[in-house]
Protein backbone atom coordinates (compact mmCIF):
# COMPACT_ATOMS: atom_id res chain seq x y z
CA UNK A 1 0.00 0.00 0.00
CA UNK A 2 2.85 2.42 0.87
CA UNK A 3 4.50 1.88 -2.51
CA UNK A 4 1.22 2.40 -4.33
CA UNK A 5 0.52 5.65 -2.49
CA UNK A 6 4.04 6.92 -3.17
CA UNK A 7 3.55 6.08 -6.83
CA UNK A 8 0.30 8.01 -6.89
CA UNK A 9 1.94 11.00 -5.21
CA UNK A 10 4.70 11.11 -7.83
CA UNK A 11 2.16 10.79 -10.62
CA UNK A 12 0.01 13.74 -9.53
CA UNK A 13 3.02 16.02 -9.82
CA UNK A 14 2.92 15.27 -13.53
CA UNK A 15 -0.87 15.23 -13.93
CA UNK A 16 -3.07 17.77 -12.14
CA UNK A 17 -6.59 17.69 -13.54
CA UNK A 18 -8.93 19.81 -11.42
CA UNK A 19 -11.23 22.61 -12.47
CA UNK A 20 -12.95 24.70 -9.83
CA UNK A 21 -16.63 25.56 -9.89
CA UNK A 22 -18.11 28.77 -8.38
CA UNK A 23 -17.31 29.33 -4.71
CA UNK A 24 -20.27 28.66 -2.47
CA UNK A 25 -19.19 30.71 0.54
CA UNK A 26 -16.52 33.30 -0.18
CA UNK A 27 -13.70 34.43 2.07
CA UNK A 28 -11.19 37.12 1.10
CA UNK A 29 -8.22 35.39 2.74
CA UNK A 30 -9.19 31.72 2.92
CA UNK A 31 -9.64 30.70 -0.70
CA UNK A 32 -8.71 27.39 -2.23
CA UNK A 33 -7.67 27.43 -5.88
CA UNK A 34 -6.66 25.01 -8.60
CA UNK A 35 -3.12 24.70 -7.28
CA UNK A 36 -4.38 23.58 -3.85
CA UNK A 37 -5.96 20.34 -5.09
CA UNK A 38 -4.41 17.48 -7.05
CA UNK A 39 -5.77 14.10 -8.04
CA UNK A 40 -4.59 11.02 -9.83
CA UNK A 41 -6.45 7.96 -11.05
CA UNK A 42 -4.81 4.53 -11.24
CA UNK A 43 -6.67 2.80 -14.07
CA UNK A 44 -5.25 -0.65 -13.31
CA UNK A 45 -6.40 -0.69 -9.68
CA UNK A 46 -9.31 1.78 -10.02
CA UNK A 47 -7.90 3.90 -7.19
CA UNK A 48 -8.59 7.64 -7.00
CA UNK A 49 -6.06 9.64 -4.97
CA UNK A 50 -7.05 13.17 -3.86
CA UNK A 51 -4.80 15.67 -2.10
CA UNK A 52 -5.77 19.05 -0.58
CA UNK A 53 -3.01 21.54 0.25
CA UNK A 54 -3.95 24.11 2.92
CA UNK A 55 -0.47 25.54 3.47
CA UNK A 56 -1.41 28.65 1.52
CA UNK A 57 -4.32 29.27 3.89
CA UNK A 58 -2.34 28.31 6.98
CA UNK A 59 -2.34 25.21 9.18
CA UNK A 60 -3.10 27.26 12.28
CA UNK A 61 -6.27 28.71 10.74
CA UNK A 62 -8.02 25.40 9.93
CA UNK A 63 -9.48 23.17 12.64
CA UNK A 64 -11.26 20.54 10.51
CA UNK A 65 -11.57 19.52 6.86
CA UNK A 66 -14.58 17.57 5.63
CA UNK A 67 -15.10 16.18 2.12
CA UNK A 68 -17.82 14.45 0.13
CA UNK A 69 -17.36 12.83 -3.29
CA UNK A 70 -20.50 12.69 -5.43
CA UNK A 71 -21.89 9.21 -6.20
CA UNK A 72 -19.52 7.74 -3.60
CA UNK A 73 -20.07 9.44 -0.23
CA UNK A 74 -23.50 9.84 1.28
CA UNK A 75 -22.47 12.73 3.51
CA UNK A 76 -19.47 14.76 4.58
CA UNK A 77 -16.79 13.06 6.62
CA UNK A 78 -13.60 14.39 8.16
CA UNK A 79 -10.14 13.74 6.74
CA UNK A 80 -6.89 14.23 8.65
CA UNK A 81 -3.27 15.17 8.06
CA UNK A 82 -2.06 12.29 10.21
CA UNK A 83 -0.29 9.93 7.82
CA UNK A 84 -3.12 7.38 7.87
CA UNK A 85 -6.04 6.24 5.69
CA UNK A 86 -4.39 7.45 2.47
CA UNK A 87 -2.63 10.48 3.92
CA UNK A 88 1.08 10.16 3.18
CA UNK A 89 2.98 12.46 5.55
CA UNK A 90 1.67 13.57 8.90
CA UNK A 91 1.52 17.29 9.70
CA UNK A 92 2.71 18.65 6.36
CA UNK A 93 -0.50 20.53 5.50
CA UNK A 94 -1.41 18.08 2.73
CA UNK A 95 -4.65 16.23 3.44
CA UNK A 96 -4.81 13.09 1.29
CA UNK A 97 -7.41 10.39 0.74
CA UNK A 98 -7.34 7.24 -1.38
CA UNK A 99 -10.65 5.95 -2.80
CA UNK A 100 -10.81 2.35 -3.98
CA UNK A 101 -12.98 0.77 -6.70
CA UNK A 102 -13.76 4.06 -8.46
CA UNK A 103 -15.13 3.75 -11.99
CA UNK A 104 -14.06 6.17 -14.71
CA UNK A 105 -16.61 8.97 -14.54
CA UNK A 106 -16.95 12.64 -13.55
CA UNK A 107 -17.26 13.56 -9.89
CA UNK A 108 -18.00 16.62 -7.78
CA UNK A 109 -15.74 17.02 -4.76
CA UNK A 110 -17.35 19.05 -1.96
CA UNK A 111 -14.91 20.49 0.59
CA UNK A 112 -15.73 22.15 3.90
CA UNK A 113 -13.08 24.07 5.86
CA UNK A 114 -13.80 24.83 9.53
CA UNK A 115 -11.84 27.78 10.90
CA UNK A 116 -9.97 27.66 14.18
CA UNK A 117 -11.47 29.60 17.09
CA UNK A 118 -14.80 30.38 15.44
CA UNK A 119 -18.03 28.81 14.25
CA UNK A 120 -17.46 29.90 10.65
CA UNK A 121 -16.61 27.67 7.71
CA UNK A 122 -16.23 27.84 3.96
CA UNK A 123 -17.59 25.33 1.46
CA UNK A 124 -16.15 24.74 -1.99
CA UNK A 125 -16.95 22.56 -4.96
CA UNK A 126 -14.40 21.14 -7.38
CA UNK A 127 -15.14 19.19 -10.53
CA UNK A 128 -13.03 16.12 -11.24
CA UNK A 129 -13.29 15.40 -14.95
CA UNK A 130 -11.74 12.26 -16.37
CA UNK A 131 -12.34 13.48 -19.93
CA UNK A 132 -11.12 10.22 -21.43
CA UNK A 133 -10.70 10.31 -25.22
CA UNK A 134 -13.00 8.18 -27.33
CA UNK A 135 -12.81 6.74 -30.84
CA UNK A 136 -15.85 7.68 -32.90
CA UNK A 137 -17.83 4.75 -34.27
CA UNK A 138 -20.83 6.00 -36.22
CA UNK A 139 -22.26 5.88 -39.74
CA UNK A 140 -19.22 7.69 -41.16
CA UNK A 141 -16.20 6.93 -38.99
CA UNK A 142 -13.96 5.04 -39.09
CA UNK A 143 -13.24 5.21 -42.82
CA UNK A 144 -11.53 1.91 -43.62
CA UNK A 145 -11.89 -0.07 -46.86
CA UNK A 146 -12.72 -3.73 -46.38
CA UNK A 147 -10.86 -4.67 -49.58
CA UNK A 148 -7.56 -3.55 -51.06
CA UNK A 149 -6.21 -4.74 -54.41
CA UNK A 150 -2.45 -4.98 -54.83
CA UNK A 151 -0.93 -3.48 -57.95
CA UNK A 152 1.05 -5.67 -60.34
CA UNK A 153 4.21 -3.57 -60.14
CA UNK A 154 3.72 -0.44 -58.01
CA UNK A 155 3.38 0.21 -54.28
CA UNK A 156 -0.20 1.11 -53.30
CA UNK A 157 -1.45 2.72 -50.09
CA UNK A 158 -4.10 1.39 -47.73
CA UNK A 159 -5.78 4.51 -46.34
CA UNK A 160 -7.47 4.63 -42.88
CA UNK A 161 -9.21 7.59 -41.19
CA UNK A 162 -10.31 7.83 -37.54
CA UNK A 163 -12.11 10.56 -35.61
CA UNK A 164 -11.33 11.13 -31.93
CA UNK A 165 -13.40 13.00 -29.37
CA UNK A 166 -11.48 14.59 -26.48
CA UNK A 167 -12.92 17.55 -24.58
CA UNK A 168 -9.43 18.42 -23.31
CA UNK A 169 -8.32 19.29 -26.84
CA UNK A 170 -6.08 17.70 -29.44
CA UNK A 171 -2.89 18.64 -27.60
CA UNK A 172 -3.98 16.34 -24.76
CA UNK A 173 -3.85 13.28 -27.07
CA UNK A 174 -0.55 11.47 -26.72
CA UNK A 175 -0.97 8.98 -29.56
CA UNK A 176 -3.35 7.10 -31.83
CA UNK A 177 -2.05 3.62 -32.70
CA UNK A 178 -3.25 0.81 -34.91
CA UNK A 179 -2.65 -2.91 -34.49
CA UNK A 180 -2.90 -5.69 -37.09
CA UNK A 181 -3.88 -9.33 -36.72
CA UNK A 182 -3.29 -11.64 -39.68
CA UNK A 183 -6.35 -13.84 -39.57
CA UNK A 184 -5.65 -15.85 -42.70
CA UNK A 185 -2.67 -14.50 -44.54
CA UNK A 186 0.17 -15.43 -46.89
CA UNK A 187 3.43 -13.71 -45.98
CA UNK A 188 5.66 -13.05 -48.98
CA UNK A 189 9.44 -13.27 -49.17
CA UNK A 190 11.42 -12.23 -52.24
CA UNK A 191 14.13 -14.86 -52.87
CA UNK A 192 16.32 -14.86 -55.99
CA UNK A 193 13.70 -13.03 -58.01
CA UNK A 194 10.87 -15.33 -56.92
CA UNK A 195 8.11 -14.79 -54.32
CA UNK A 196 8.02 -17.43 -51.62
CA UNK A 197 4.78 -17.56 -49.57
CA UNK A 198 4.13 -18.93 -46.07
CA UNK A 199 0.66 -19.24 -44.55
CA UNK A 200 0.01 -17.41 -41.24
CA UNK A 201 -2.91 -17.52 -38.77
CA UNK A 202 -2.46 -15.18 -35.80
CA UNK A 203 -4.57 -15.06 -32.64
CA UNK A 204 -3.01 -11.88 -31.28
CA UNK A 205 -2.62 -8.36 -32.61
CA UNK A 206 0.87 -7.12 -33.36
CA UNK A 207 2.15 -3.55 -33.25
CA UNK A 208 5.19 -1.76 -34.59
CA UNK A 209 6.52 1.58 -33.24
CA UNK A 210 5.92 3.12 -36.68
CA UNK A 211 2.22 2.28 -36.58
CA UNK A 212 0.94 5.57 -35.21
CA UNK A 213 -1.65 7.66 -37.00
CA UNK A 214 -1.11 11.30 -37.98
CA UNK A 215 -3.34 14.19 -36.95
CA UNK A 216 -4.71 15.91 -40.07
CA UNK A 217 -7.33 18.33 -38.73
CA UNK A 218 -10.69 18.88 -37.09
CA UNK A 219 -14.06 18.05 -38.64
CA UNK A 220 -17.37 19.94 -38.48
CA UNK A 221 -18.32 18.08 -35.30
CA UNK A 222 -15.12 19.37 -33.63
CA UNK A 223 -13.69 15.86 -33.58
CA UNK A 224 -9.98 15.32 -34.20
CA UNK A 225 -9.28 13.42 -37.40
CA UNK A 226 -6.33 11.05 -37.78
CA UNK A 227 -5.01 9.34 -40.88
CA UNK A 228 -2.61 6.55 -41.77
CA UNK A 229 -1.51 5.35 -45.20
CA UNK A 230 0.04 1.89 -45.11
CA UNK A 231 2.33 1.15 -48.08
CA UNK A 232 1.46 -2.18 -49.68
CA UNK A 233 4.02 -3.95 -51.83
CA UNK A 234 3.00 -4.97 -55.35
CA UNK A 235 2.18 -8.57 -56.15
CA UNK A 236 5.65 -8.92 -57.65
CA UNK A 237 8.10 -6.38 -58.98
CA UNK A 238 11.78 -6.64 -59.83
CA UNK A 239 12.76 -6.19 -56.20
CA UNK A 240 9.87 -7.20 -53.95
CA UNK A 241 6.53 -8.95 -53.62
CA UNK A 242 3.47 -8.43 -51.43
CA UNK A 243 1.61 -10.63 -49.00
CA UNK A 244 -2.14 -11.12 -49.23
CA UNK A 245 -5.09 -12.52 -47.30
CA UNK A 246 -7.45 -11.31 -44.54
CA UNK A 247 -6.45 -9.11 -41.62
CA UNK A 248 -8.19 -7.37 -38.72
CA UNK A 249 -7.45 -3.94 -37.26
CA UNK A 250 -7.55 -2.58 -33.74
CA UNK A 251 -7.06 1.07 -32.72
CA UNK A 252 -5.99 2.71 -29.49
CA UNK A 253 -5.98 6.35 -28.38
CA UNK A 254 -4.38 7.59 -25.15
CA UNK A 255 -4.27 11.04 -23.59
CA UNK A 256 -1.65 12.72 -21.42
CA UNK A 257 -3.35 11.51 -18.21
CA UNK A 258 -3.08 7.88 -19.31
CA UNK A 259 -6.78 7.45 -20.15
CA UNK A 260 -7.39 5.44 -23.28
CA UNK A 261 -10.01 4.01 -25.57
CA UNK A 262 -9.67 0.90 -27.73
CA UNK A 263 -11.73 0.06 -30.80
CA UNK A 264 -11.61 -3.24 -32.67
CA UNK A 265 -12.88 -3.25 -36.22
CA UNK A 266 -15.36 -6.08 -36.58
CA UNK A 267 -15.06 -6.38 -40.36
CA UNK A 268 -12.18 -8.35 -41.78
CA UNK A 269 -10.09 -6.55 -44.39
CA UNK A 270 -9.12 -8.49 -47.50
CA UNK A 271 -5.80 -7.80 -49.21
CA UNK A 272 -6.13 -9.21 -52.71
CA UNK A 273 -3.49 -10.28 -55.29
CA UNK A 274 -5.48 -8.92 -58.19
CA UNK A 275 -9.31 -8.92 -58.19
CA UNK A 276 -10.98 -9.71 -54.87
CA UNK A 277 -13.54 -12.49 -55.00
């Protein structure tokens, strides 16, 4: 548990994803802001780590901190800076909590600060938005031909187009990858001027570091459009020959926070040595 919490703490330094909503009860000198709250989500373990920094306000001015996470907590409950229950270091002004079994969704974090030596308190709301990217699958996207005919002598290009939705903007997208699975395929090897073929049936997708799609612009729905053109060798030229058969594609998008979406194309794609049947 200690190692996991330390890992989460390091990660939130890189990824701070909080947007504040209007202040419910204002105070001129006791305001929280975006820099006072960090959070990180561990997708593998479904753990949500939240940290509230009150050093800017002052440790001596706060007597109690209560929080409530929408769709998780029924009511406010107190959290402590005591090095327990998800808090990492005792007495450092950073109040931390670790939620387990949190699904990817949007949450409202309610925070109540009770002031020392008085009956006054301030309440704040912060919006935790996962904003995971998604691959569009509708009547238009993705644009992927289900057949491709190899040329007799020239390299041809298999063209694929995806649309990605990400409310954090295109700059938040780290990569868009594609994977290929050779379902029933003949690999081709050029040996002494002759094409030698070997039959392949793969159960797993393969990926190459060059198989990332390029951003080409934004469409009318404000979705981010990505393109890839895969060079396909001719059936047989003077220097090379091309494989043929049926393949299947899978796509993956990931943003800077590590959230991802995966889409597997149901249709098989046929690479044909001449006219497809």
